[in-house]
Amino acid sequence: MQQIGPETFASDEGGEGPAPSEQVSDRAREQFAASQAAAKQAQRDEQKARKRDDGVAQVILQFLTDAQKTHYALLIARLVGRDCPSTFLLALLSLINEQCRTAVEEYLREQDGDLAVPATNVTDLQHSSALSVEANDTLARWIVRVEHVMAHDEQTILRTLIVDDQNIDGTILQLTTFILQDFLAQQGKIANFEQVQTLVAGILQTLFRPAMQSWRERRLAEQPADEANA
């Protein structure tokens, strides 16, 4: 039987570069390496997402075991049932829960690096609740965290929260009102639900207005011409 070795194959005596088979092999190796890297990155992203989801689940369990916060668990569970991104829930809860704050800040550092706090307007809150400088700073940082999460997951958040093709699920308003009410109570400022809800509605309108406008424009662009002109 004829033995097959390197000498069996014709050599490229022209010396003008690698043979086509070598070029194909190089491309195949590069493509394989790229696909492996993408698969590993996807796996890391999935693990991080699972960790954030686990964080939300742990918070729900904490609230379920606290007789004073079972209403939180019900609202959070309702939003989880709508597939609301865990990052958004963590951002909302981060005002009153250290575990959530740590988790969402870790997520945002992965996305944006160091987070600078822009000049977020909390004037209305300052005048209405007479909070300390430290408390107002905490509020500003909370709003910024929610803004950053909105910027990254805008379409997913809207897709899961919009009802009737134009309104945000009222569960968000309820949950955020309870969150801000608890925060104010921690600062020694007791406010009834209706007062806090008015403040929260303004905050949420500011946060959601640009995203909603973008959503409506995109939806309009996706409609057939005859429907858009109707």
Protein backbone atom coordinates (compact mmCIF):
# COMPACT_ATOMS: atom_id res chain seq x y z
CA MET A 1 0.00 0.00 0.00
CA GLN A 2 1.29 3.42 -0.92
CA GLN A 3 2.12 5.46 2.13
CA ILE A 4 0.74 8.96 2.40
CA GLY A 5 3.00 11.62 3.78
CA PRO A 6 3.88 15.27 3.22
CA GLU A 7 5.88 14.37 0.12
CA THR A 8 2.77 12.92 -1.53
CA PHE A 9 1.30 16.37 -2.10
CA ALA A 10 2.65 18.78 -4.69
CA SER A 11 4.47 21.73 -3.21
CA ASP A 12 3.86 25.35 -4.16
CA GLU A 13 7.13 26.14 -5.86
CA GLY A 14 5.94 29.57 -6.85
CA GLY A 15 6.39 30.81 -3.29
CA GLU A 16 3.52 33.26 -3.67
CA GLY A 17 1.76 32.54 -0.39
CA PRO A 18 -0.18 29.77 1.29
CA ALA A 19 -2.13 27.24 -0.71
CA PRO A 20 -5.89 27.77 -0.99
CA SER A 21 -6.47 24.88 1.44
CA GLU A 22 -4.29 26.66 4.01
CA GLN A 23 -6.20 29.89 3.49
CA VAL A 24 -9.48 28.07 4.01
CA SER A 25 -8.09 26.46 7.15
CA ASP A 26 -7.02 29.84 8.50
CA ARG A 27 -10.46 31.30 7.85
CA ALA A 28 -12.10 28.28 9.43
CA ARG A 29 -9.93 28.62 12.52
CA GLU A 30 -10.74 32.33 12.78
CA GLN A 31 -14.45 31.70 12.34
CA PHE A 32 -14.37 28.91 14.90
CA ALA A 33 -12.47 31.09 17.38
CA ALA A 34 -14.95 33.93 16.85
CA SER A 35 -17.95 31.62 17.30
CA GLN A 36 -16.40 30.15 20.45
CA ALA A 37 -15.79 33.63 21.86
CA ALA A 38 -19.36 34.66 21.03
CA ALA A 39 -20.71 31.50 22.66
CA LYS A 40 -18.67 32.12 25.81
CA GLN A 41 -19.83 35.74 25.96
CA ALA A 42 -23.44 34.65 25.52
CA GLN A 43 -22.96 32.13 28.31
CA ARG A 44 -21.51 34.80 30.59
CA ASP A 45 -24.39 37.16 29.75
CA GLU A 46 -26.89 34.39 30.46
CA GLN A 47 -25.25 33.63 33.80
CA LYS A 48 -25.33 37.31 34.76
CA ALA A 49 -28.98 37.59 33.71
CA ARG A 50 -29.81 34.48 35.74
CA LYS A 51 -28.02 35.99 38.72
CA ARG A 52 -30.10 39.17 38.42
CA ASP A 53 -33.29 37.12 38.12
CA ASP A 54 -32.26 35.17 41.21
CA GLY A 55 -31.74 38.50 42.97
CA VAL A 56 -35.30 39.54 42.20
CA ALA A 57 -36.57 36.16 43.42
CA GLN A 58 -34.66 36.57 46.68
CA VAL A 59 -36.12 40.04 47.19
CA ILE A 60 -39.62 38.67 46.63
CA LEU A 61 -38.96 35.99 49.23
CA GLN A 62 -37.69 38.60 51.66
CA PHE A 63 -40.83 40.67 51.21
CA LEU A 64 -43.05 37.60 51.53
CA THR A 65 -41.53 36.82 54.92
CA ASP A 66 -42.02 40.42 56.06
CA ALA A 67 -45.63 40.89 57.08
CA GLN A 68 -45.30 44.63 56.43
CA LYS A 69 -44.17 44.20 52.81
CA THR A 70 -46.28 41.44 51.31
CA HIS A 71 -47.88 44.02 49.01
CA TYR A 72 -44.44 44.45 47.40
CA ALA A 73 -44.20 40.75 46.65
CA LEU A 74 -47.59 40.70 44.95
CA LEU A 75 -46.79 43.71 42.74
CA ILE A 76 -43.32 42.43 41.85
CA ALA A 77 -44.70 38.99 41.03
CA ARG A 78 -47.30 40.62 38.77
CA LEU A 79 -44.58 42.48 36.86
CA VAL A 80 -42.40 39.39 36.66
CA GLY A 81 -45.43 37.66 35.15
CA ARG A 82 -45.40 40.31 32.42
CA ASP A 83 -41.71 39.51 31.75
CA CYS A 84 -40.61 42.93 32.97
CA PRO A 85 -36.78 42.92 32.87
CA SER A 86 -35.25 42.14 36.24
CA THR A 87 -32.80 45.02 35.81
CA PHE A 88 -35.68 47.49 35.78
CA LEU A 89 -37.25 45.99 38.89
CA LEU A 90 -33.89 46.02 40.65
CA ALA A 91 -33.41 49.68 39.69
CA LEU A 92 -36.79 50.64 41.17
CA LEU A 93 -36.23 48.67 44.37
CA SER A 94 -32.67 49.94 44.73
CA LEU A 95 -33.97 53.05 46.53
CA ILE A 96 -34.92 51.00 49.59
CA ASN A 97 -33.00 47.73 49.21
CA GLU A 98 -29.21 47.56 49.42
CA GLN A 99 -29.03 44.17 47.71
CA CYS A 100 -30.90 45.54 44.70
CA ARG A 101 -28.75 48.68 44.60
CA THR A 102 -25.56 46.62 44.55
CA ALA A 103 -26.89 44.34 41.81
CA VAL A 104 -28.09 47.12 39.51
CA GLU A 105 -24.93 49.19 39.98
CA GLU A 106 -22.85 46.15 39.07
CA TYR A 107 -24.94 45.70 35.92
CA LEU A 108 -24.59 49.37 34.98
CA ARG A 109 -20.83 49.35 35.53
CA GLU A 110 -20.62 46.43 33.10
CA GLN A 111 -22.56 48.49 30.57
CA ASP A 112 -21.32 52.04 31.14
CA GLY A 113 -18.26 51.98 33.37
CA ASP A 114 -18.25 54.52 36.19
CA LEU A 115 -21.62 56.18 36.67
CA ALA A 116 -21.63 59.93 36.95
CA VAL A 117 -24.73 61.57 38.36
CA PRO A 118 -26.04 64.25 35.98
CA ALA A 119 -27.98 67.26 37.17
CA THR A 120 -31.23 65.38 37.65
CA ASN A 121 -34.03 67.71 38.64
CA VAL A 122 -35.52 66.74 42.01
CA THR A 123 -36.57 70.27 42.92
CA ASP A 124 -40.21 69.30 43.38
CA LEU A 125 -39.26 66.58 45.81
CA GLN A 126 -36.95 68.91 47.73
CA HIS A 127 -39.65 71.51 48.25
CA SER A 128 -42.47 69.10 48.99
CA SER A 129 -40.70 66.82 51.43
CA ALA A 130 -37.89 69.03 52.84
CA LEU A 131 -35.38 66.20 52.63
CA SER A 132 -31.79 66.47 53.69
CA VAL A 133 -29.02 67.02 51.16
CA GLU A 134 -27.95 63.41 51.59
CA ALA A 135 -31.47 62.11 51.03
CA ASN A 136 -31.89 64.24 47.92
CA ASP A 137 -28.59 62.92 46.61
CA THR A 138 -29.82 59.38 47.21
CA LEU A 139 -33.01 60.20 45.29
CA ALA A 140 -31.05 61.72 42.41
CA ARG A 141 -28.80 58.67 42.16
CA TRP A 142 -31.83 56.40 42.22
CA ILE A 143 -33.47 58.26 39.35
CA VAL A 144 -30.22 58.13 37.39
CA ARG A 145 -29.97 54.37 37.89
CA VAL A 146 -33.48 53.95 36.54
CA GLU A 147 -32.67 56.26 33.61
CA HIS A 148 -29.58 54.24 32.71
CA VAL A 149 -31.48 50.96 32.84
CA MET A 150 -34.21 52.49 30.68
CA ALA A 151 -31.57 53.56 28.16
CA HIS A 152 -30.25 50.00 27.84
CA ASP A 153 -33.49 48.01 27.95
CA GLU A 154 -35.95 50.60 26.65
CA GLN A 155 -37.76 48.54 24.02
CA THR A 156 -37.95 45.43 26.19
CA ILE A 157 -39.28 47.42 29.14
CA LEU A 158 -41.91 49.14 27.03
CA ARG A 159 -42.94 45.95 25.25
CA THR A 160 -43.63 44.24 28.58
CA LEU A 161 -45.27 47.19 30.33
CA ILE A 162 -47.40 48.93 27.70
CA VAL A 163 -51.10 48.10 27.75
CA ASP A 164 -53.73 49.22 25.26
CA ASP A 165 -50.83 50.08 22.96
CA GLN A 166 -50.37 53.45 24.67
CA ASN A 167 -50.44 53.28 28.49
CA ILE A 168 -47.97 51.95 31.06
CA ASP A 169 -49.22 49.18 33.34
CA GLY A 170 -50.47 50.83 36.53
CA THR A 171 -48.62 48.24 38.60
CA ILE A 172 -45.45 50.25 38.04
CA LEU A 173 -47.09 53.35 39.50
CA GLN A 174 -48.30 51.40 42.53
CA LEU A 175 -44.96 49.72 43.18
CA THR A 176 -42.93 52.89 42.77
CA THR A 177 -45.32 54.80 45.03
CA PHE A 178 -44.85 52.26 47.81
CA ILE A 179 -41.08 52.42 47.29
CA LEU A 180 -40.92 56.21 47.54
CA GLN A 181 -43.37 56.23 50.45
CA ASP A 182 -41.12 53.84 52.37
CA PHE A 183 -38.05 55.89 51.51
CA LEU A 184 -39.68 59.06 52.82
CA ALA A 185 -40.70 57.24 55.98
CA GLN A 186 -37.07 56.23 56.49
CA GLN A 187 -36.24 59.95 56.38
CA GLY A 188 -38.91 60.69 58.99
CA LYS A 189 -41.28 62.18 56.42
CA ILE A 190 -44.73 60.66 56.59
CA ALA A 191 -46.83 61.21 53.46
CA ASN A 192 -50.07 59.56 52.47
CA PHE A 193 -50.30 57.34 49.42
CA GLU A 194 -52.12 59.88 47.24
CA GLN A 195 -49.52 62.60 47.85
CA VAL A 196 -46.64 60.29 47.04
CA GLN A 197 -48.43 58.88 44.02
CA THR A 198 -48.65 62.38 42.53
CA LEU A 199 -44.88 62.80 42.93
CA VAL A 200 -44.21 59.36 41.48
CA ALA A 201 -46.47 59.99 38.49
CA GLY A 202 -44.34 63.03 37.64
CA ILE A 203 -41.11 61.07 37.99
CA LEU A 204 -42.37 58.21 35.83
CA GLN A 205 -43.72 60.58 33.19
CA THR A 206 -40.29 62.21 32.97
CA LEU A 207 -38.59 58.81 32.72
CA PHE A 208 -41.00 57.25 30.24
CA ARG A 209 -41.95 60.21 28.04
CA PRO A 210 -38.93 60.04 25.65
CA ALA A 211 -39.15 56.26 25.44
CA MET A 212 -42.89 56.36 24.80
CA GLN A 213 -42.44 58.93 22.04
CA SER A 214 -39.81 56.74 20.42
CA TRP A 215 -42.10 53.73 20.81
CA ARG A 216 -45.04 55.47 19.14
CA GLU A 217 -42.86 56.69 16.26
CA ARG A 218 -41.52 53.20 15.70
CA ARG A 219 -44.98 51.67 15.83
CA LEU A 220 -46.25 54.27 13.36
CA ALA A 221 -43.37 53.55 10.99
CA GLU A 222 -44.17 49.83 11.12
CA GLN A 223 -47.81 50.36 10.15
CA PRO A 224 -48.89 50.04 6.51
CA ALA A 225 -49.28 53.41 4.79
CA ASP A 226 -53.09 53.18 4.60
CA GLU A 227 -53.37 52.53 8.36
CA ALA A 228 -50.93 55.32 9.23
CA ASN A 229 -52.96 57.79 7.20
CA ALA A 230 -56.32 56.63 8.56
